[in-house]
């Protein structure tokens, strides 16, 4: 397994994984994850930008030329009342089912953490679906802790 920064050429191989993560999130909470019909195509441009942005994180797990996992993150500005002016934000983490429980996700997370550190980020945040206990356990093992709880009301 090779872990490497993704390039724009990797984006077409990442998009099917994006479709899977979006479908899973929508199955868990259709109100919270009410994606537009063309969400995967919308990701195409966004991921291409992440692949070329020196202040973004886009890393793939590559098994003999096949992308089997990815992590994507950006740097987000914080409102000016806090001492931390910006934070790293992990948006997505996906590993194909065949490659789970082999440390692939953990390696992707830790590489993202190192990348954020190298950019000078001192705080990294993320959200996980309430139903995603496996991801929360992984993130805790990687050094993350609970901080806030997002609540939702559909009106």
C-alpha atoms as a PDB file:
ATOM      1  CA  UNK A   1       0.000   0.000   0.000  1.00  0.00           C
ATOM      2  CA  UNK A   2       1.305   3.419  -0.971  1.00  0.00           C
ATOM      3  CA  UNK A   3       0.140   6.622   0.691  1.00  0.00           C
ATOM      4  CA  UNK A   4       0.763   9.768  -1.302  1.00  0.00           C
ATOM      5  CA  UNK A   5      -0.533  13.255  -1.996  1.00  0.00           C
ATOM      6  CA  UNK A   6      -3.240  13.046  -4.628  1.00  0.00           C
ATOM      7  CA  UNK A   7      -2.929  14.778  -7.958  1.00  0.00           C
ATOM      8  CA  UNK A   8      -5.612  16.104 -10.272  1.00  0.00           C
ATOM      9  CA  UNK A   9      -5.177  12.866 -12.233  1.00  0.00           C
ATOM     10  CA  UNK A  10      -6.367  10.915  -9.159  1.00  0.00           C
ATOM     11  CA  UNK A  11      -9.670  12.789  -8.921  1.00  0.00           C
ATOM     12  CA  UNK A  12     -11.615  10.486 -11.318  1.00  0.00           C
ATOM     13  CA  UNK A  13     -10.580   7.491  -9.188  1.00  0.00           C
ATOM     14  CA  UNK A  14     -11.612   9.256  -5.964  1.00  0.00           C
ATOM     15  CA  UNK A  15     -15.084  10.210  -7.234  1.00  0.00           C
ATOM     16  CA  UNK A  16     -16.635   6.710  -6.915  1.00  0.00           C
ATOM     17  CA  UNK A  17     -15.450   6.691  -3.283  1.00  0.00           C
ATOM     18  CA  UNK A  18     -17.085  10.098  -2.800  1.00  0.00           C
ATOM     19  CA  UNK A  19     -20.323   8.606  -4.091  1.00  0.00           C
ATOM     20  CA  UNK A  20     -20.080   5.832  -1.516  1.00  0.00           C
ATOM     21  CA  UNK A  21     -19.413   8.130   1.436  1.00  0.00           C
ATOM     22  CA  UNK A  22     -22.258  10.434   0.393  1.00  0.00           C
ATOM     23  CA  UNK A  23     -24.658   7.500   0.042  1.00  0.00           C
ATOM     24  CA  UNK A  24     -23.658   6.165   3.460  1.00  0.00           C
ATOM     25  CA  UNK A  25     -24.124   9.532   5.141  1.00  0.00           C
ATOM     26  CA  UNK A  26     -27.481   9.998   3.461  1.00  0.00           C
ATOM     27  CA  UNK A  27     -28.584   6.547   4.641  1.00  0.00           C
ATOM     28  CA  UNK A  28     -27.609   7.470   8.196  1.00  0.00           C
ATOM     29  CA  UNK A  29     -29.359  10.871   8.228  1.00  0.00           C
ATOM     30  CA  UNK A  30     -31.151  11.999   5.084  1.00  0.00           C
ATOM     31  CA  UNK A  31     -32.087  15.364   6.613  1.00  0.00           C
ATOM     32  CA  UNK A  32     -28.544  16.298   7.597  1.00  0.00           C
ATOM     33  CA  UNK A  33     -26.957  14.912   4.451  1.00  0.00           C
ATOM     34  CA  UNK A  34     -29.450  16.054   1.822  1.00  0.00           C
ATOM     35  CA  UNK A  35     -27.029  16.219  -1.084  1.00  0.00           C
ATOM     36  CA  UNK A  36     -27.776  17.843  -4.398  1.00  0.00           C
ATOM     37  CA  UNK A  37     -28.297  15.339  -7.249  1.00  0.00           C
ATOM     38  CA  UNK A  38     -24.912  16.150  -8.820  1.00  0.00           C
ATOM     39  CA  UNK A  39     -22.865  16.018  -5.617  1.00  0.00           C
ATOM     40  CA  UNK A  40     -20.185  13.733  -7.057  1.00  0.00           C
ATOM     41  CA  UNK A  41     -19.670  16.023 -10.045  1.00  0.00           C
ATOM     42  CA  UNK A  42     -19.552  19.013  -7.718  1.00  0.00           C
ATOM     43  CA  UNK A  43     -16.739  17.252  -5.866  1.00  0.00           C
ATOM     44  CA  UNK A  44     -14.751  16.909  -9.113  1.00  0.00           C
ATOM     45  CA  UNK A  45     -13.846  20.595  -9.224  1.00  0.00           C
ATOM     46  CA  UNK A  46     -13.477  20.916  -5.463  1.00  0.00           C
ATOM     47  CA  UNK A  47     -11.100  17.932  -5.240  1.00  0.00           C
ATOM     48  CA  UNK A  48      -9.098  19.201  -8.202  1.00  0.00           C
ATOM     49  CA  UNK A  49      -8.640  22.476  -6.340  1.00  0.00           C
ATOM     50  CA  UNK A  50      -7.585  20.597  -3.176  1.00  0.00           C
ATOM     51  CA  UNK A  51      -5.006  18.622  -5.173  1.00  0.00           C
ATOM     52  CA  UNK A  52      -3.313  21.823  -6.321  1.00  0.00           C
ATOM     53  CA  UNK A  53      -3.814  24.009  -3.231  1.00  0.00           C
ATOM     54  CA  UNK A  54      -0.689  24.068  -1.033  1.00  0.00           C
ATOM     55  CA  UNK A  55      -2.909  24.774   2.010  1.00  0.00           C
ATOM     56  CA  UNK A  56      -5.177  21.774   1.506  1.00  0.00           C
ATOM     57  CA  UNK A  57      -4.822  18.084   2.243  1.00  0.00           C
ATOM     58  CA  UNK A  58      -5.733  15.399  -0.270  1.00  0.00           C
ATOM     59  CA  UNK A  59      -4.022  12.069   0.297  1.00  0.00           C
ATOM     60  CA  UNK A  60      -4.797   8.722  -1.299  1.00  0.00           C
ATOM     61  CA  UNK A  61      -4.130   5.138  -0.355  1.00  0.00           C
ATOM     62  CA  UNK A  62      -2.994   3.418  -3.536  1.00  0.00           C
ATOM     63  CA  UNK A  63      -2.935  -0.360  -3.875  1.00  0.00           C
ATOM     64  CA  UNK A  64      -0.938  -1.235  -6.997  1.00  0.00           C
ATOM     65  CA  UNK A  65      -2.288   1.710  -8.958  1.00  0.00           C
ATOM     66  CA  UNK A  66      -5.848   1.554  -7.613  1.00  0.00           C
ATOM     67  CA  UNK A  67      -7.075   4.269  -5.231  1.00  0.00           C
ATOM     68  CA  UNK A  68      -8.675   2.407  -2.298  1.00  0.00           C
ATOM     69  CA  UNK A  69      -8.959   5.265   0.164  1.00  0.00           C
ATOM     70  CA  UNK A  70      -8.668   9.003   0.549  1.00  0.00           C
ATOM     71  CA  UNK A  71      -8.751  11.826   3.052  1.00  0.00           C
ATOM     72  CA  UNK A  72      -9.446  15.452   2.227  1.00  0.00           C
ATOM     73  CA  UNK A  73      -9.047  18.533   4.371  1.00  0.00           C
ATOM     74  CA  UNK A  74      -8.891  22.287   4.155  1.00  0.00           C
ATOM     75  CA  UNK A  75      -7.819  25.168   6.331  1.00  0.00           C
ATOM     76  CA  UNK A  76     -10.774  27.171   7.583  1.00  0.00           C
ATOM     77  CA  UNK A  77     -10.790  30.628   9.167  1.00  0.00           C
ATOM     78  CA  UNK A  78     -12.162  30.991  12.668  1.00  0.00           C
ATOM     79  CA  UNK A  79     -14.268  33.897  13.829  1.00  0.00           C
ATOM     80  CA  UNK A  80     -12.072  36.574  15.463  1.00  0.00           C
ATOM     81  CA  UNK A  81     -13.176  36.024  19.065  1.00  0.00           C
ATOM     82  CA  UNK A  82     -10.894  32.971  19.394  1.00  0.00           C
ATOM     83  CA  UNK A  83      -7.112  32.799  19.818  1.00  0.00           C
ATOM     84  CA  UNK A  84      -6.857  30.149  17.099  1.00  0.00           C
ATOM     85  CA  UNK A  85      -7.293  32.144  13.856  1.00  0.00           C
ATOM     86  CA  UNK A  86      -7.663  29.097  11.620  1.00  0.00           C
ATOM     87  CA  UNK A  87      -7.951  25.355  11.890  1.00  0.00           C
ATOM     88  CA  UNK A  88      -7.479  22.309   9.755  1.00  0.00           C
ATOM     89  CA  UNK A  89     -10.766  20.684   8.836  1.00  0.00           C
ATOM     90  CA  UNK A  90     -11.032  17.051   7.781  1.00  0.00           C
ATOM     91  CA  UNK A  91     -14.024  16.765   5.475  1.00  0.00           C
ATOM     92  CA  UNK A  92     -13.950  13.148   4.296  1.00  0.00           C
ATOM     93  CA  UNK A  93     -12.208   9.903   5.064  1.00  0.00           C
ATOM     94  CA  UNK A  94     -13.016   6.765   3.113  1.00  0.00           C
ATOM     95  CA  UNK A  95     -11.392   3.348   2.813  1.00  0.00           C
ATOM     96  CA  UNK A  96     -12.835   0.629   0.625  1.00  0.00           C
ATOM     97  CA  UNK A  97     -14.349  -2.190   2.651  1.00  0.00           C
ATOM     98  CA  UNK A  98     -11.823  -4.772   1.448  1.00  0.00           C
ATOM     99  CA  UNK A  99      -8.993  -2.727   2.968  1.00  0.00           C
ATOM    100  CA  UNK A 100     -10.563  -1.877   6.312  1.00  0.00           C
ATOM    101  CA  UNK A 101      -9.094  -3.050   9.623  1.00  0.00           C
ATOM    102  CA  UNK A 102      -5.595  -2.938   8.129  1.00  0.00           C
ATOM    103  CA  UNK A 103      -4.577   0.479   9.475  1.00  0.00           C
ATOM    104  CA  UNK A 104      -5.231   2.307   6.195  1.00  0.00           C
ATOM    105  CA  UNK A 105      -7.626   4.864   7.695  1.00  0.00           C
ATOM    106  CA  UNK A 106      -5.317   5.487  10.646  1.00  0.00           C
ATOM    107  CA  UNK A 107      -2.382   6.049   8.298  1.00  0.00           C
ATOM    108  CA  UNK A 108      -4.420   8.497   6.193  1.00  0.00           C
ATOM    109  CA  UNK A 109      -5.482  10.428   9.301  1.00  0.00           C
ATOM    110  CA  UNK A 110      -1.966  10.622  10.712  1.00  0.00           C
ATOM    111  CA  UNK A 111      -0.562  11.757   7.360  1.00  0.00           C
ATOM    112  CA  UNK A 112      -3.241  14.466   7.206  1.00  0.00           C
ATOM    113  CA  UNK A 113      -2.303  15.553  10.732  1.00  0.00           C
ATOM    114  CA  UNK A 114       1.359  15.771   9.722  1.00  0.00           C
ATOM    115  CA  UNK A 115       0.465  17.730   6.607  1.00  0.00           C
ATOM    116  CA  UNK A 116      -1.605  20.220   8.610  1.00  0.00           C
ATOM    117  CA  UNK A 117       1.266  20.590  11.101  1.00  0.00           C
ATOM    118  CA  UNK A 118       3.716  21.271   8.277  1.00  0.00           C
ATOM    119  CA  UNK A 119       1.463  24.106   7.075  1.00  0.00           C
ATOM    120  CA  UNK A 120       1.494  25.583  10.586  1.00  0.00           C
ATOM    121  CA  UNK A 121      -1.983  24.596  11.709  1.00  0.00           C
ATOM    122  CA  UNK A 122      -2.239  24.035  15.479  1.00  0.00           C
ATOM    123  CA  UNK A 123      -5.801  22.706  15.672  1.00  0.00           C
ATOM    124  CA  UNK A 124      -7.607  20.141  13.516  1.00  0.00           C
ATOM    125  CA  UNK A 125     -11.359  19.569  13.610  1.00  0.00           C
ATOM    126  CA  UNK A 126     -13.820  17.189  12.045  1.00  0.00           C
ATOM    127  CA  UNK A 127     -17.351  15.914  12.369  1.00  0.00           C
ATOM    128  CA  UNK A 128     -18.598  12.365  12.267  1.00  0.00           C
ATOM    129  CA  UNK A 129     -22.119  11.094  11.839  1.00  0.00           C
ATOM    130  CA  UNK A 130     -23.708  10.049  15.117  1.00  0.00           C
ATOM    131  CA  UNK A 131     -24.113   6.536  13.714  1.00  0.00           C
ATOM    132  CA  UNK A 132     -20.425   6.282  12.834  1.00  0.00           C
ATOM    133  CA  UNK A 133     -19.020   4.841  16.050  1.00  0.00           C
ATOM    134  CA  UNK A 134     -16.160   3.150  14.205  1.00  0.00           C
ATOM    135  CA  UNK A 135     -14.899   6.486  12.860  1.00  0.00           C
ATOM    136  CA  UNK A 136     -15.185   8.159  16.249  1.00  0.00           C
ATOM    137  CA  UNK A 137     -13.165   5.365  17.838  1.00  0.00           C
ATOM    138  CA  UNK A 138     -10.537   5.721  15.107  1.00  0.00           C
ATOM    139  CA  UNK A 139     -10.265   9.470  15.581  1.00  0.00           C
ATOM    140  CA  UNK A 140      -9.896   9.089  19.350  1.00  0.00           C
ATOM    141  CA  UNK A 141      -7.077   6.585  18.784  1.00  0.00           C
ATOM    142  CA  UNK A 142      -5.447   9.169  16.503  1.00  0.00           C
ATOM    143  CA  UNK A 143      -5.543  11.796  19.269  1.00  0.00           C
ATOM    144  CA  UNK A 144      -8.819  13.623  18.656  1.00  0.00           C
ATOM    145  CA  UNK A 145     -11.279  14.293  21.468  1.00  0.00           C
ATOM    146  CA  UNK A 146     -14.946  15.211  21.683  1.00  0.00           C
ATOM    147  CA  UNK A 147     -15.401  18.957  21.638  1.00  0.00           C
ATOM    148  CA  UNK A 148     -18.908  19.937  20.575  1.00  0.00           C
ATOM    149  CA  UNK A 149     -22.130  18.226  19.633  1.00  0.00           C
ATOM    150  CA  UNK A 150     -23.903  19.368  16.490  1.00  0.00           C
ATOM    151  CA  UNK A 151     -27.678  19.215  16.797  1.00  0.00           C
ATOM    152  CA  UNK A 152     -30.211  19.372  13.977  1.00  0.00           C
ATOM    153  CA  UNK A 153     -33.812  20.442  13.667  1.00  0.00           C
ATOM    154  CA  UNK A 154     -35.667  20.235  10.381  1.00  0.00           C
ATOM    155  CA  UNK A 155     -38.475  22.798  10.183  1.00  0.00           C
END
